[in-house]
Amino acid sequence: MAASRDDIKFLSNPNLGNSRNKYCRFRKFGIKHIDYKDADFLLQFVNEQGKVLPRRITGNSLKYQRRVATAVKRARHLAMMPYVADLLK
């Protein structure tokens, strides 16, 4: 009698190796300019503490990750975004 998939107890997560492919949303949607005055858009690339998320998490290409970081820094300088926050989102 063979055990079905429901009967098998996994020691680790069976979906561990099945990750989605990351993509650069700027290249996919053809966004050429990142506006530092659009703070709501830039909040997608910042964690709860106000730190810029790395490329390996956001999936941005190097070119656009640099532009995002520059836009976040400019928005912070003009007080459109906080430098440090307890719970930003």
Protein backbone atom coordinates (compact mmCIF):
# COMPACT_ATOMS: atom_id res chain seq x y z
CA MET A 1 0.00 0.00 0.00
CA ALA A 2 1.63 3.26 -1.15
CA ALA A 3 1.39 6.37 0.96
CA SER A 4 -0.32 9.33 -0.64
CA ARG A 5 1.09 12.83 -0.60
CA ASP A 6 -1.26 13.82 2.23
CA ASP A 7 0.09 11.06 4.46
CA ILE A 8 3.74 12.10 4.11
CA LYS A 9 5.08 14.43 6.77
CA PHE A 10 7.71 16.77 5.41
CA LEU A 11 10.66 17.76 7.56
CA SER A 12 11.15 20.96 5.57
CA ASN A 13 8.93 23.16 3.46
CA PRO A 14 8.23 21.33 0.15
CA ASN A 15 7.89 24.67 -1.69
CA LEU A 16 11.31 25.87 -0.54
CA GLY A 17 13.06 25.69 -3.92
CA ASN A 18 10.13 26.99 -5.95
CA SER A 19 10.73 30.73 -5.98
CA ARG A 20 9.35 33.13 -8.53
CA ASN A 21 11.66 34.91 -10.90
CA LYS A 22 12.40 38.46 -9.87
CA TYR A 23 12.12 41.17 -12.48
CA CYS A 24 12.92 44.83 -12.72
CA ARG A 25 9.57 46.61 -12.71
CA PHE A 26 11.12 49.68 -14.33
CA ARG A 27 12.30 47.74 -17.36
CA LYS A 28 9.10 45.70 -17.56
CA PHE A 29 6.77 48.73 -17.56
CA GLY A 30 9.13 51.07 -19.40
CA ILE A 31 9.57 53.60 -16.58
CA LYS A 32 12.46 55.88 -17.53
CA HIS A 33 12.30 58.56 -14.82
CA ILE A 34 11.97 58.04 -11.07
CA ASP A 35 10.38 61.11 -9.52
CA TYR A 36 11.70 61.97 -6.07
CA LYS A 37 8.55 64.02 -5.39
CA ASP A 38 6.33 60.91 -5.54
CA ALA A 39 6.79 59.70 -1.97
CA ASP A 40 4.00 57.10 -2.17
CA PHE A 41 5.79 55.31 -5.01
CA LEU A 42 9.14 55.43 -3.21
CA LEU A 43 7.62 53.85 -0.09
CA GLN A 44 7.53 50.54 -1.99
CA PHE A 45 11.33 50.44 -1.89
CA VAL A 46 11.69 51.29 1.82
CA ASN A 47 11.13 49.01 4.81
CA GLU A 48 9.28 49.87 8.04
CA GLN A 49 12.35 51.48 9.59
CA GLY A 50 12.91 53.73 6.58
CA LYS A 51 15.88 51.85 5.10
CA VAL A 52 16.18 51.29 1.36
CA LEU A 53 15.49 47.66 0.45
CA PRO A 54 18.31 45.82 -1.34
CA ARG A 55 18.21 44.64 -4.95
CA ARG A 56 17.92 41.00 -3.99
CA ILE A 57 14.56 41.73 -2.36
CA THR A 58 13.10 44.31 -4.77
CA GLY A 59 14.43 42.71 -7.96
CA ASN A 60 15.51 46.03 -9.47
CA SER A 61 18.37 46.20 -11.89
CA LEU A 62 21.54 47.94 -10.76
CA LYS A 63 20.85 51.03 -12.86
CA TYR A 64 17.38 51.60 -11.44
CA GLN A 65 18.34 50.62 -7.89
CA ARG A 66 20.87 53.46 -7.90
CA ARG A 67 18.20 55.83 -9.21
CA VAL A 68 15.76 54.70 -6.52
CA ALA A 69 18.36 55.24 -3.80
CA THR A 70 19.13 58.73 -5.12
CA ALA A 71 15.42 59.59 -5.30
CA VAL A 72 14.85 58.37 -1.72
CA LYS A 73 17.78 60.45 -0.49
CA ARG A 74 16.46 63.54 -2.27
CA ALA A 75 12.97 63.00 -0.86
CA ARG A 76 14.44 62.67 2.63
CA HIS A 77 16.44 65.85 2.19
CA LEU A 78 13.28 67.77 1.25
CA ALA A 79 11.37 66.22 4.20
CA MET A 80 8.96 64.30 1.96
CA MET A 81 10.11 61.04 3.54
CA PRO A 82 11.49 60.43 7.02
CA TYR A 83 15.10 59.43 7.60
CA VAL A 84 14.12 57.13 10.47
CA ALA A 85 10.70 55.78 11.41
CA ASP A 86 9.32 53.32 13.94
CA LEU A 87 6.47 52.00 11.78
CA LEU A 88 6.43 53.69 8.40
CA LYS A 89 3.94 51.36 6.71
